[in-house]
Amino acid sequence: NYSSESGFGFSGQLLFTQLGAQTNNKTDEINLNYIQAPLL
């Protein structure tokens, strides 16, 4: 995190996140696992 006295700042993140969806009437799942790098 970086923050300035003006209120503006920046956040860089490195995350492991599980995306995807439930399928077949919630009886199965698609799990897409990502390394994410949000630049905010």
PDB file of all heavy atoms in Angstrom:
ATOM      1  N   ASN A   1       0.831  -1.210   0.000  1.00  0.00           N
ATOM      2  CA  ASN A   1       0.000   0.000   0.000  1.00  0.00           C
ATOM      3  C   ASN A   1       0.859   1.251   0.000  1.00  0.00           C
ATOM      4  O   ASN A   1       1.862   1.318   0.729  1.00  0.00           O
ATOM      5  CB  ASN A   1      -0.899   0.059   1.241  1.00  0.00           C
ATOM      6  CG  ASN A   1      -2.135  -0.810   1.116  1.00  0.00           C
ATOM      7  OD1 ASN A   1      -2.515  -1.224   0.020  1.00  0.00           O
ATOM      8  ND2 ASN A   1      -2.763  -1.110   2.237  1.00  0.00           N
ATOM      9  N   TYR A   2       0.451   2.241  -0.787  1.00  0.00           N
ATOM     10  CA  TYR A   2       1.039   3.581  -0.721  1.00  0.00           C
ATOM     11  C   TYR A   2      -0.093   4.581  -0.546  1.00  0.00           C
ATOM     12  O   TYR A   2      -1.115   4.509  -1.242  1.00  0.00           O
ATOM     13  CB  TYR A   2       1.817   3.910  -1.993  1.00  0.00           C
ATOM     14  CG  TYR A   2       2.111   5.395  -2.139  1.00  0.00           C
ATOM     15  CD1 TYR A   2       3.087   6.007  -1.350  1.00  0.00           C
ATOM     16  CD2 TYR A   2       1.386   6.181  -3.029  1.00  0.00           C
ATOM     17  CE1 TYR A   2       3.342   7.366  -1.457  1.00  0.00           C
ATOM     18  CE2 TYR A   2       1.642   7.538  -3.151  1.00  0.00           C
ATOM     19  CZ  TYR A   2       2.611   8.125  -2.358  1.00  0.00           C
ATOM     20  OH  TYR A   2       2.847   9.471  -2.460  1.00  0.00           O
ATOM     21  N   SER A   3       0.058   5.504   0.382  1.00  0.00           N
ATOM     22  CA  SER A   3      -0.953   6.548   0.579  1.00  0.00           C
ATOM     23  C   SER A   3      -0.257   7.900   0.696  1.00  0.00           C
ATOM     24  O   SER A   3       0.829   8.004   1.264  1.00  0.00           O
ATOM     25  CB  SER A   3      -1.781   6.277   1.835  1.00  0.00           C
ATOM     26  OG  SER A   3      -0.961   6.248   2.991  1.00  0.00           O
ATOM     27  N   SER A   4      -0.905   8.924   0.148  1.00  0.00           N
ATOM     28  CA  SER A   4      -0.349  10.273   0.193  1.00  0.00           C
ATOM     29  C   SER A   4      -1.256  11.168   1.018  1.00  0.00           C
ATOM     30  O   SER A   4      -2.413  10.835   1.307  1.00  0.00           O
ATOM     31  CB  SER A   4      -0.205  10.837  -1.223  1.00  0.00           C
ATOM     32  OG  SER A   4      -1.494  11.067  -1.783  1.00  0.00           O
ATOM     33  N   GLU A   5      -0.757  12.345   1.375  1.00  0.00           N
ATOM     34  CA  GLU A   5      -1.538  13.285   2.164  1.00  0.00           C
ATOM     35  C   GLU A   5      -2.723  13.835   1.373  1.00  0.00           C
ATOM     36  O   GLU A   5      -3.697  14.319   1.951  1.00  0.00           O
ATOM     37  CB  GLU A   5      -0.653  14.434   2.650  1.00  0.00           C
ATOM     38  CG  GLU A   5       0.412  13.993   3.651  1.00  0.00           C
ATOM     39  CD  GLU A   5       1.198  15.161   4.225  1.00  0.00           C
ATOM     40  OE1 GLU A   5       0.804  16.316   3.967  1.00  0.00           O
ATOM     41  OE2 GLU A   5       2.187  14.911   4.923  1.00  0.00           O
ATOM     42  N   SER A   6      -2.673  13.754   0.048  1.00  0.00           N
ATOM     43  CA  SER A   6      -3.774  14.243  -0.786  1.00  0.00           C
ATOM     44  C   SER A   6      -4.965  13.287  -0.783  1.00  0.00           C
ATOM     45  O   SER A   6      -6.057  13.652  -1.221  1.00  0.00           O
ATOM     46  CB  SER A   6      -3.289  14.440  -2.221  1.00  0.00           C
ATOM     47  OG  SER A   6      -2.974  13.185  -2.808  1.00  0.00           O
ATOM     48  N   GLY A   7      -4.777  12.060  -0.301  1.00  0.00           N
ATOM     49  CA  GLY A   7      -5.840  11.061  -0.296  1.00  0.00           C
ATOM     50  C   GLY A   7      -5.688  10.015  -1.374  1.00  0.00           C
ATOM     51  O   GLY A   7      -6.280   8.941  -1.290  1.00  0.00           O
ATOM     52  N   PHE A   8      -4.889  10.318  -2.407  1.00  0.00           N
ATOM     53  CA  PHE A   8      -4.689   9.345  -3.473  1.00  0.00           C
ATOM     54  C   PHE A   8      -3.607   8.342  -3.075  1.00  0.00           C
ATOM     55  O   PHE A   8      -2.647   8.676  -2.370  1.00  0.00           O
ATOM     56  CB  PHE A   8      -4.306  10.037  -4.775  1.00  0.00           C
ATOM     57  CG  PHE A   8      -5.434  10.823  -5.386  1.00  0.00           C
ATOM     58  CD1 PHE A   8      -5.556  12.179  -5.166  1.00  0.00           C
ATOM     59  CD2 PHE A   8      -6.386  10.183  -6.171  1.00  0.00           C
ATOM     60  CE1 PHE A   8      -6.613  12.899  -5.723  1.00  0.00           C
ATOM     61  CE2 PHE A   8      -7.433  10.886  -6.731  1.00  0.00           C
ATOM     62  CZ  PHE A   8      -7.556  12.252  -6.499  1.00  0.00           C
ATOM     63  N   GLY A   9      -3.776   7.114  -3.543  1.00  0.00           N
ATOM     64  CA  GLY A   9      -2.812   6.076  -3.214  1.00  0.00           C
ATOM     65  C   GLY A   9      -2.809   4.981  -4.259  1.00  0.00           C
ATOM     66  O   GLY A   9      -3.449   5.077  -5.307  1.00  0.00           O
ATOM     67  N   PHE A  10      -2.086   3.910  -3.940  1.00  0.00           N
ATOM     68  CA  PHE A  10      -1.937   2.789  -4.866  1.00  0.00           C
ATOM     69  C   PHE A  10      -1.767   1.516  -4.052  1.00  0.00           C
ATOM     70  O   PHE A  10      -1.134   1.518  -2.981  1.00  0.00           O
ATOM     71  CB  PHE A  10      -0.724   2.998  -5.762  1.00  0.00           C
ATOM     72  CG  PHE A  10      -0.406   1.806  -6.626  1.00  0.00           C
ATOM     73  CD1 PHE A  10      -1.117   1.564  -7.786  1.00  0.00           C
ATOM     74  CD2 PHE A  10       0.598   0.917  -6.257  1.00  0.00           C
ATOM     75  CE1 PHE A  10      -0.838   0.451  -8.572  1.00  0.00           C
ATOM     76  CE2 PHE A  10       0.882  -0.195  -7.033  1.00  0.00           C
ATOM     77  CZ  PHE A  10       0.164  -0.420  -8.197  1.00  0.00           C
ATOM     78  N   SER A  11      -2.336   0.435  -4.555  1.00  0.00           N
ATOM     79  CA  SER A  11      -2.151  -0.872  -3.936  1.00  0.00           C
ATOM     80  C   SER A  11      -1.796  -1.895  -4.998  1.00  0.00           C
ATOM     81  O   SER A  11      -2.514  -2.044  -5.990  1.00  0.00           O
ATOM     82  CB  SER A  11      -3.419  -1.301  -3.190  1.00  0.00           C
ATOM     83  OG  SER A  11      -3.257  -2.588  -2.630  1.00  0.00           O
ATOM     84  N   GLY A  12      -0.691  -2.582  -4.800  1.00  0.00           N
ATOM     85  CA  GLY A  12      -0.322  -3.716  -5.636  1.00  0.00           C
ATOM     86  C   GLY A  12      -0.468  -4.986  -4.823  1.00  0.00           C
ATOM     87  O   GLY A  12      -0.040  -5.046  -3.673  1.00  0.00           O
ATOM     88  N   GLN A  13      -1.076  -6.002  -5.412  1.00  0.00           N
ATOM     89  CA  GLN A  13      -1.349  -7.232  -4.679  1.00  0.00           C
ATOM     90  C   GLN A  13      -0.908  -8.447  -5.487  1.00  0.00           C
ATOM     91  O   GLN A  13      -0.889  -8.418  -6.714  1.00  0.00           O
ATOM     92  CB  GLN A  13      -2.851  -7.331  -4.364  1.00  0.00           C
ATOM     93  CG  GLN A  13      -3.368  -6.138  -3.579  1.00  0.00           C
ATOM     94  CD  GLN A  13      -4.874  -6.168  -3.371  1.00  0.00           C
ATOM     95  OE1 GLN A  13      -5.582  -7.015  -3.919  1.00  0.00           O
ATOM     96  NE2 GLN A  13      -5.384  -5.231  -2.582  1.00  0.00           N
ATOM     97  N   LEU A  14      -0.544  -9.499  -4.778  1.00  0.00           N
ATOM     98  CA  LEU A  14      -0.221 -10.787  -5.396  1.00  0.00           C
ATOM     99  C   LEU A  14      -1.018 -11.842  -4.649  1.00  0.00           C
ATOM    100  O   LEU A  14      -0.760 -12.109  -3.466  1.00  0.00           O
ATOM    101  CB  LEU A  14       1.277 -11.069  -5.326  1.00  0.00           C
ATOM    102  CG  LEU A  14       1.758 -12.271  -6.137  1.00  0.00           C
ATOM    103  CD1 LEU A  14       1.513 -12.055  -7.628  1.00  0.00           C
ATOM    104  CD2 LEU A  14       3.233 -12.534  -5.886  1.00  0.00           C
ATOM    105  N   LEU A  15      -1.997 -12.450  -5.337  1.00  0.00           N
ATOM    106  CA  LEU A  15      -2.984 -13.296  -4.679  1.00  0.00           C
ATOM    107  C   LEU A  15      -3.140 -14.647  -5.373  1.00  0.00           C
ATOM    108  O   LEU A  15      -2.985 -14.747  -6.588  1.00  0.00           O
ATOM    109  CB  LEU A  15      -4.359 -12.604  -4.682  1.00  0.00           C
ATOM    110  CG  LEU A  15      -4.428 -11.164  -4.181  1.00  0.00           C
ATOM    111  CD1 LEU A  15      -5.813 -10.591  -4.438  1.00  0.00           C
ATOM    112  CD2 LEU A  15      -4.074 -11.090  -2.711  1.00  0.00           C
ATOM    113  N   PHE A  16      -3.461 -15.660  -4.588  1.00  0.00           N
ATOM    114  CA  PHE A  16      -3.974 -16.923  -5.113  1.00  0.00           C
ATOM    115  C   PHE A  16      -5.488 -16.883  -4.928  1.00  0.00           C
ATOM    116  O   PHE A  16      -5.979 -16.731  -3.807  1.00  0.00           O
ATOM    117  CB  PHE A  16      -3.382 -18.109  -4.360  1.00  0.00           C
ATOM    118  CG  PHE A  16      -4.045 -19.421  -4.703  1.00  0.00           C
ATOM    119  CD1 PHE A  16      -3.695 -20.108  -5.848  1.00  0.00           C
ATOM    120  CD2 PHE A  16      -5.030 -19.954  -3.882  1.00  0.00           C
ATOM    121  CE1 PHE A  16      -4.307 -21.317  -6.172  1.00  0.00           C
ATOM    122  CE2 PHE A  16      -5.656 -21.153  -4.191  1.00  0.00           C
ATOM    123  CZ  PHE A  16      -5.285 -21.838  -5.341  1.00  0.00           C
ATOM    124  N   THR A  17      -6.238 -16.987  -6.034  1.00  0.00           N
ATOM    125  CA  THR A  17      -7.694 -16.866  -5.974  1.00  0.00           C
ATOM    126  C   THR A  17      -8.353 -17.999  -6.733  1.00  0.00           C
ATOM    127  O   THR A  17      -7.940 -18.349  -7.838  1.00  0.00           O
ATOM    128  CB  THR A  17      -8.157 -15.517  -6.568  1.00  0.00           C
ATOM    129  OG1 THR A  17      -7.540 -14.449  -5.852  1.00  0.00           O
ATOM    130  CG2 THR A  17      -9.666 -15.365  -6.460  1.00  0.00           C
ATOM    131  N   GLN A  18      -9.395 -18.557  -6.141  1.00  0.00           N
ATOM    132  CA  GLN A  18     -10.151 -19.633  -6.769  1.00  0.00           C
ATOM    133  C   GLN A  18     -11.403 -19.059  -7.421  1.00  0.00           C
ATOM    134  O   GLN A  18     -12.284 -18.532  -6.741  1.00  0.00           O
ATOM    135  CB  GLN A  18     -10.528 -20.684  -5.724  1.00  0.00           C
ATOM    136  CG  GLN A  18      -9.326 -21.401  -5.129  1.00  0.00           C
ATOM    137  CD  GLN A  18      -9.725 -22.402  -4.054  1.00  0.00           C
ATOM    138  OE1 GLN A  18     -10.541 -22.111  -3.202  1.00  0.00           O
ATOM    139  NE2 GLN A  18      -9.136 -23.591  -4.108  1.00  0.00           N
ATOM    140  N   LEU A  19     -11.462 -19.170  -8.752  1.00  0.00           N
ATOM    141  CA  LEU A  19     -12.629 -18.742  -9.515  1.00  0.00           C
ATOM    142  C   LEU A  19     -13.319 -19.974 -10.097  1.00  0.00           C
ATOM    143  O   LEU A  19     -13.029 -21.094  -9.716  1.00  0.00           O
ATOM    144  CB  LEU A  19     -12.207 -17.764 -10.612  1.00  0.00           C
ATOM    145  CG  LEU A  19     -11.505 -16.488 -10.149  1.00  0.00           C
ATOM    146  CD1 LEU A  19     -11.176 -15.589 -11.337  1.00  0.00           C
ATOM    147  CD2 LEU A  19     -12.328 -15.729  -9.120  1.00  0.00           C
ATOM    148  N   GLY A  20     -14.264 -19.750 -11.035  1.00  0.00           N
ATOM    149  CA  GLY A  20     -14.984 -20.863 -11.637  1.00  0.00           C
ATOM    150  C   GLY A  20     -16.465 -20.776 -11.354  1.00  0.00           C
ATOM    151  O   GLY A  20     -17.034 -19.692 -11.232  1.00  0.00           O
ATOM    152  N   ALA A  21     -17.126 -21.938 -11.216  1.00  0.00           N
ATOM    153  CA  ALA A  21     -18.574 -21.965 -10.998  1.00  0.00           C
ATOM    154  C   ALA A  21     -19.007 -23.361 -10.565  1.00  0.00           C
ATOM    155  O   ALA A  21     -18.303 -24.346 -10.796  1.00  0.00           O
ATOM    156  CB  ALA A  21     -19.314 -21.571 -12.280  1.00  0.00           C
ATOM    157  N   GLN A  22     -20.174 -23.413  -9.943  1.00  0.00           N
ATOM    158  CA  GLN A  22     -20.847 -24.694  -9.731  1.00  0.00           C
ATOM    159  C   GLN A  22     -21.601 -25.066 -11.014  1.00  0.00           C
ATOM    160  O   GLN A  22     -22.134 -24.188 -11.702  1.00  0.00           O
ATOM    161  CB  GLN A  22     -21.830 -24.607  -8.563  1.00  0.00           C
ATOM    162  CG  GLN A  22     -21.163 -24.396  -7.215  1.00  0.00           C
ATOM    163  CD  GLN A  22     -22.158 -24.515  -6.072  1.00  0.00           C
ATOM    164  OE1 GLN A  22     -22.448 -25.614  -5.595  1.00  0.00           O
ATOM    165  NE2 GLN A  22     -22.677 -23.379  -5.635  1.00  0.00           N
ATOM    166  N   THR A  23     -21.627 -26.351 -11.320  1.00  0.00           N
ATOM    167  CA  THR A  23     -22.263 -26.814 -12.555  1.00  0.00           C
ATOM    168  C   THR A  23     -23.190 -27.994 -12.277  1.00  0.00           C
ATOM    169  O   THR A  23     -23.177 -28.569 -11.175  1.00  0.00           O
ATOM    170  CB  THR A  23     -21.193 -27.258 -13.576  1.00  0.00           C
ATOM    171  OG1 THR A  23     -20.420 -28.339 -13.017  1.00  0.00           O
ATOM    172  CG2 THR A  23     -20.260 -26.096 -13.923  1.00  0.00           C
ATOM    173  N   ASN A  24     -23.974 -28.350 -13.301  1.00  0.00           N
ATOM    174  CA  ASN A  24     -24.859 -29.527 -13.228  1.00  0.00           C
ATOM    175  C   ASN A  24     -25.740 -29.504 -11.983  1.00  0.00           C
ATOM    176  O   ASN A  24     -25.732 -30.436 -11.175  1.00  0.00           O
ATOM    177  CB  ASN A  24     -24.040 -30.825 -13.278  1.00  0.00           C
ATOM    178  CG  ASN A  24     -23.230 -30.951 -14.543  1.00  0.00           C
ATOM    179  OD1 ASN A  24     -23.659 -30.516 -15.611  1.00  0.00           O
ATOM    180  ND2 ASN A  24     -22.042 -31.541 -14.432  1.00  0.00           N
ATOM    181  N   ASN A  25     -26.494 -28.406 -11.834  1.00  0.00           N
ATOM    182  CA  ASN A  25     -27.391 -28.248 -10.686  1.00  0.00           C
ATOM    183  C   ASN A  25     -26.655 -28.381  -9.351  1.00  0.00           C
ATOM    184  O   ASN A  25     -27.132 -29.019  -8.409  1.00  0.00           O
ATOM    185  CB  ASN A  25     -28.540 -29.254 -10.754  1.00  0.00           C
ATOM    186  CG  ASN A  25     -29.450 -29.007 -11.935  1.00  0.00           C
ATOM    187  OD1 ASN A  25     -29.784 -27.860 -12.236  1.00  0.00           O
ATOM    188  ND2 ASN A  25     -29.844 -30.076 -12.625  1.00  0.00           N
ATOM    189  N   LYS A  26     -25.475 -27.794  -9.308  1.00  0.00           N
ATOM    190  CA  LYS A  26     -24.638 -27.726  -8.093  1.00  0.00           C
ATOM    191  C   LYS A  26     -24.077 -29.079  -7.667  1.00  0.00           C
ATOM    192  O   LYS A  26     -23.615 -29.232  -6.532  1.00  0.00           O
ATOM    193  CB  LYS A  26     -25.418 -27.115  -6.928  1.00  0.00           C
ATOM    194  CG  LYS A  26     -25.934 -25.710  -7.186  1.00  0.00           C
ATOM    195  CD  LYS A  26     -26.637 -25.151  -5.952  1.00  0.00           C
ATOM    196  CE  LYS A  26     -27.181 -23.758  -6.216  1.00  0.00           C
ATOM    197  NZ  LYS A  26     -27.854 -23.192  -5.033  1.00  0.00           N
ATOM    198  N   THR A  27     -24.098 -30.071  -8.572  1.00  0.00           N
ATOM    199  CA  THR A  27     -23.542 -31.379  -8.220  1.00  0.00           C
ATOM    200  C   THR A  27     -22.054 -31.469  -8.536  1.00  0.00           C
ATOM    201  O   THR A  27     -21.383 -32.408  -8.106  1.00  0.00           O
ATOM    202  CB  THR A  27     -24.286 -32.499  -8.957  1.00  0.00           C
ATOM    203  OG1 THR A  27     -24.146 -32.305 -10.372  1.00  0.00           O
ATOM    204  CG2 THR A  27     -25.765 -32.497  -8.584  1.00  0.00           C
ATOM    205  N   ASP A  28     -21.520 -30.531  -9.320  1.00  0.00           N
ATOM    206  CA  ASP A  28     -20.111 -30.543  -9.675  1.00  0.00           C
ATOM    207  C   ASP A  28     -19.589 -29.101  -9.686  1.00  0.00           C
ATOM    208  O   ASP A  28     -20.364 -28.142  -9.553  1.00  0.00           O
ATOM    209  CB  ASP A  28     -19.893 -31.200 -11.032  1.00  0.00           C
ATOM    210  CG  ASP A  28     -18.466 -31.743 -11.194  1.00  0.00           C
ATOM    211  OD1 ASP A  28     -17.624 -31.504 -10.290  1.00  0.00           O
ATOM    212  OD2 ASP A  28     -18.188 -32.378 -12.222  1.00  0.00           O
ATOM    213  N   GLU A  29     -18.287 -28.958  -9.855  1.00  0.00           N
ATOM    214  CA  GLU A  29     -17.668 -27.639  -9.853  1.00  0.00           C
ATOM    215  C   GLU A  29     -16.582 -27.546 -10.916  1.00  0.00           C
ATOM    216  O   GLU A  29     -15.940 -28.552 -11.245  1.00  0.00           O
ATOM    217  CB  GLU A  29     -17.026 -27.333  -8.492  1.00  0.00           C
ATOM    218  CG  GLU A  29     -17.987 -27.190  -7.340  1.00  0.00           C
ATOM    219  CD  GLU A  29     -17.272 -26.922  -6.029  1.00  0.00           C
ATOM    220  OE1 GLU A  29     -16.003 -26.933  -6.019  1.00  0.00           O
ATOM    221  OE2 GLU A  29     -17.957 -26.697  -5.012  1.00  0.00           O
ATOM    222  N   ILE A  30     -16.415 -26.364 -11.444  1.00  0.00           N
ATOM    223  CA  ILE A  30     -15.220 -26.017 -12.217  1.00  0.00           C
ATOM    224  C   ILE A  30     -14.424 -25.056 -11.366  1.00  0.00           C
ATOM    225  O   ILE A  30     -14.881 -23.941 -11.066  1.00  0.00           O
ATOM    226  CB  ILE A  30     -15.585 -25.381 -13.573  1.00  0.00           C
ATOM    227  CG1 ILE A  30     -16.340 -26.369 -14.449  1.00  0.00           C
ATOM    228  CG2 ILE A  30     -14.321 -24.881 -14.282  1.00  0.00           C
ATOM    229  CD1 ILE A  30     -16.850 -25.778 -15.749  1.00  0.00           C
ATOM    230  N   ASN A  31     -13.262 -25.486 -10.926  1.00  0.00           N
ATOM    231  CA  ASN A  31     -12.390 -24.656 -10.092  1.00  0.00           C
ATOM    232  C   ASN A  31     -11.214 -24.176 -10.931  1.00  0.00           C
ATOM    233  O   ASN A  31     -10.334 -24.969 -11.289  1.00  0.00           O
ATOM    234  CB  ASN A  31     -11.877 -25.451  -8.889  1.00  0.00           C
ATOM    235  CG  ASN A  31     -12.994 -25.831  -7.936  1.00  0.00           C
ATOM    236  OD1 ASN A  31     -13.637 -24.971  -7.355  1.00  0.00           O
ATOM    237  ND2 ASN A  31     -13.236 -27.136  -7.793  1.00  0.00           N
ATOM    238  N   LEU A  32     -11.219 -22.892 -11.258  1.00  0.00           N
ATOM    239  CA  LEU A  32     -10.101 -22.288 -11.978  1.00  0.00           C
ATOM    240  C   LEU A  32      -9.260 -21.511 -10.968  1.00  0.00           C
ATOM    241  O   LEU A  32      -9.718 -20.513 -10.390  1.00  0.00           O
ATOM    242  CB  LEU A  32     -10.612 -21.352 -13.076  1.00  0.00           C
ATOM    243  CG  LEU A  32     -11.494 -21.997 -14.154  1.00  0.00           C
ATOM    244  CD1 LEU A  32     -11.861 -20.972 -15.215  1.00  0.00           C
ATOM    245  CD2 LEU A  32     -10.809 -23.203 -14.778  1.00  0.00           C
ATOM    246  N   ASN A  33      -8.049 -21.995 -10.744  1.00  0.00           N
ATOM    247  CA  ASN A  33      -7.160 -21.398  -9.740  1.00  0.00           C
ATOM    248  C   ASN A  33      -6.171 -20.461 -10.425  1.00  0.00           C
ATOM    249  O   ASN A  33      -5.469 -20.860 -11.357  1.00  0.00           O
ATOM    250  CB  ASN A  33      -6.417 -22.487  -8.976  1.00  0.00           C
ATOM    251  CG  ASN A  33      -7.362 -23.438  -8.253  1.00  0.00           C
ATOM    252  OD1 ASN A  33      -8.410 -23.030  -7.774  1.00  0.00           O
ATOM    253  ND2 ASN A  33      -6.995 -24.714  -8.192  1.00  0.00           N
ATOM    254  N   TYR A  34      -6.127 -19.233  -9.950  1.00  0.00           N
ATOM    255  CA  TYR A  34      -5.300 -18.201 -10.573  1.00  0.00           C
ATOM    256  C   TYR A  34      -4.319 -17.585  -9.582  1.00  0.00           C
ATOM    257  O   TYR A  34      -4.618 -17.468  -8.388  1.00  0.00           O
ATOM    258  CB  TYR A  34      -6.169 -17.060 -11.115  1.00  0.00           C
ATOM    259  CG  TYR A  34      -6.992 -17.395 -12.327  1.00  0.00           C
ATOM    260  CD1 TYR A  34      -8.306 -17.835 -12.207  1.00  0.00           C
ATOM    261  CD2 TYR A  34      -6.467 -17.248 -13.615  1.00  0.00           C
ATOM    262  CE1 TYR A  34      -9.075 -18.123 -13.319  1.00  0.00           C
ATOM    263  CE2 TYR A  34      -7.231 -17.542 -14.733  1.00  0.00           C
ATOM    264  CZ  TYR A  34      -8.528 -17.976 -14.583  1.00  0.00           C
ATOM    265  OH  TYR A  34      -9.281 -18.256 -15.704  1.00  0.00           O
ATOM    266  N   ILE A  35      -3.175 -17.185 -10.106  1.00  0.00           N
ATOM    267  CA  ILE A  35      -2.323 -16.207  -9.447  1.00  0.00           C
ATOM    268  C   ILE A  35      -2.736 -14.853 -10.009  1.00  0.00           C
ATOM    269  O   ILE A  35      -2.602 -14.614 -11.213  1.00  0.00           O
ATOM    270  CB  ILE A  35      -0.832 -16.468  -9.690  1.00  0.00           C
ATOM    271  CG1 ILE A  35      -0.429 -17.825  -9.116  1.00  0.00           C
ATOM    272  CG2 ILE A  35       0.017 -15.358  -9.084  1.00  0.00           C
ATOM    273  CD1 ILE A  35      -0.569 -17.950  -7.599  1.00  0.00           C
ATOM    274  N   GLN A  36      -3.246 -13.998  -9.148  1.00  0.00           N
ATOM    275  CA  GLN A  36      -3.752 -12.695  -9.570  1.00  0.00           C
ATOM    276  C   GLN A  36      -2.799 -11.579  -9.140  1.00  0.00           C
ATOM    277  O   GLN A  36      -2.202 -11.643  -8.069  1.00  0.00           O
ATOM    278  CB  GLN A  36      -5.116 -12.403  -8.949  1.00  0.00           C
ATOM    279  CG  GLN A  36      -6.255 -13.219  -9.498  1.00  0.00           C
ATOM    280  CD  GLN A  36      -7.593 -12.717  -8.989  1.00  0.00           C
ATOM    281  OE1 GLN A  36      -7.763 -12.421  -7.811  1.00  0.00           O
ATOM    282  NE2 GLN A  36      -8.562 -12.610  -9.873  1.00  0.00           N
ATOM    283  N   ALA A  37      -2.716 -10.559  -9.989  1.00  0.00           N
ATOM    284  CA  ALA A  37      -1.930  -9.365  -9.669  1.00  0.00           C
ATOM    285  C   ALA A  37      -2.789  -8.126  -9.915  1.00  0.00           C
ATOM    286  O   ALA A  37      -2.699  -7.508 -10.976  1.00  0.00           O
ATOM    287  CB  ALA A  37      -0.652  -9.311 -10.496  1.00  0.00           C
ATOM    288  N   PRO A  38      -3.649  -7.749  -8.941  1.00  0.00           N
ATOM    289  CA  PRO A  38      -4.422  -6.516  -9.078  1.00  0.00           C
ATOM    290  C   PRO A  38      -3.523  -5.287  -8.866  1.00  0.00           C
ATOM    291  O   PRO A  38      -2.678  -5.263  -7.968  1.00  0.00           O
ATOM    292  CB  PRO A  38      -5.467  -6.618  -7.954  1.00  0.00           C
ATOM    293  CG  PRO A  38      -5.458  -8.053  -7.527  1.00  0.00           C
ATOM    294  CD  PRO A  38      -4.061  -8.523  -7.769  1.00  0.00           C
ATOM    295  N   LEU A  39      -3.722  -4.263  -9.695  1.00  0.00           N
ATOM    296  CA  LEU A  39      -2.995  -2.997  -9.606  1.00  0.00           C
ATOM    297  C   LEU A  39      -4.033  -1.904  -9.437  1.00  0.00           C
ATOM    298  O   LEU A  39      -4.681  -1.492 -10.410  1.00  0.00           O
ATOM    299  CB  LEU A  39      -2.153  -2.776 -10.864  1.00  0.00           C
ATOM    300  CG  LEU A  39      -1.190  -3.915 -11.220  1.00  0.00           C
ATOM    301  CD1 LEU A  39      -0.575  -3.694 -12.600  1.00  0.00           C
ATOM    302  CD2 LEU A  39      -0.108  -4.057 -10.163  1.00  0.00           C
ATOM    303  N   LEU A  40      -4.220  -1.419  -8.214  1.00  0.00           N
ATOM    304  CA  LEU A  40      -5.398  -0.648  -7.858  1.00  0.00           C
ATOM    305  C   LEU A  40      -5.068   0.790  -7.494  1.00  0.00           C
ATOM    306  O   LEU A  40      -4.315   1.050  -6.550  1.00  0.00           O
ATOM    307  CB  LEU A  40      -6.109  -1.315  -6.670  1.00  0.00           C
ATOM    308  CG  LEU A  40      -6.479  -2.794  -6.867  1.00  0.00           C
ATOM    309  CD1 LEU A  40      -7.026  -3.377  -5.583  1.00  0.00           C
ATOM    310  CD2 LEU A  40      -7.461  -2.966  -8.015  1.00  0.00           C
TER     311      LEU A  40
END
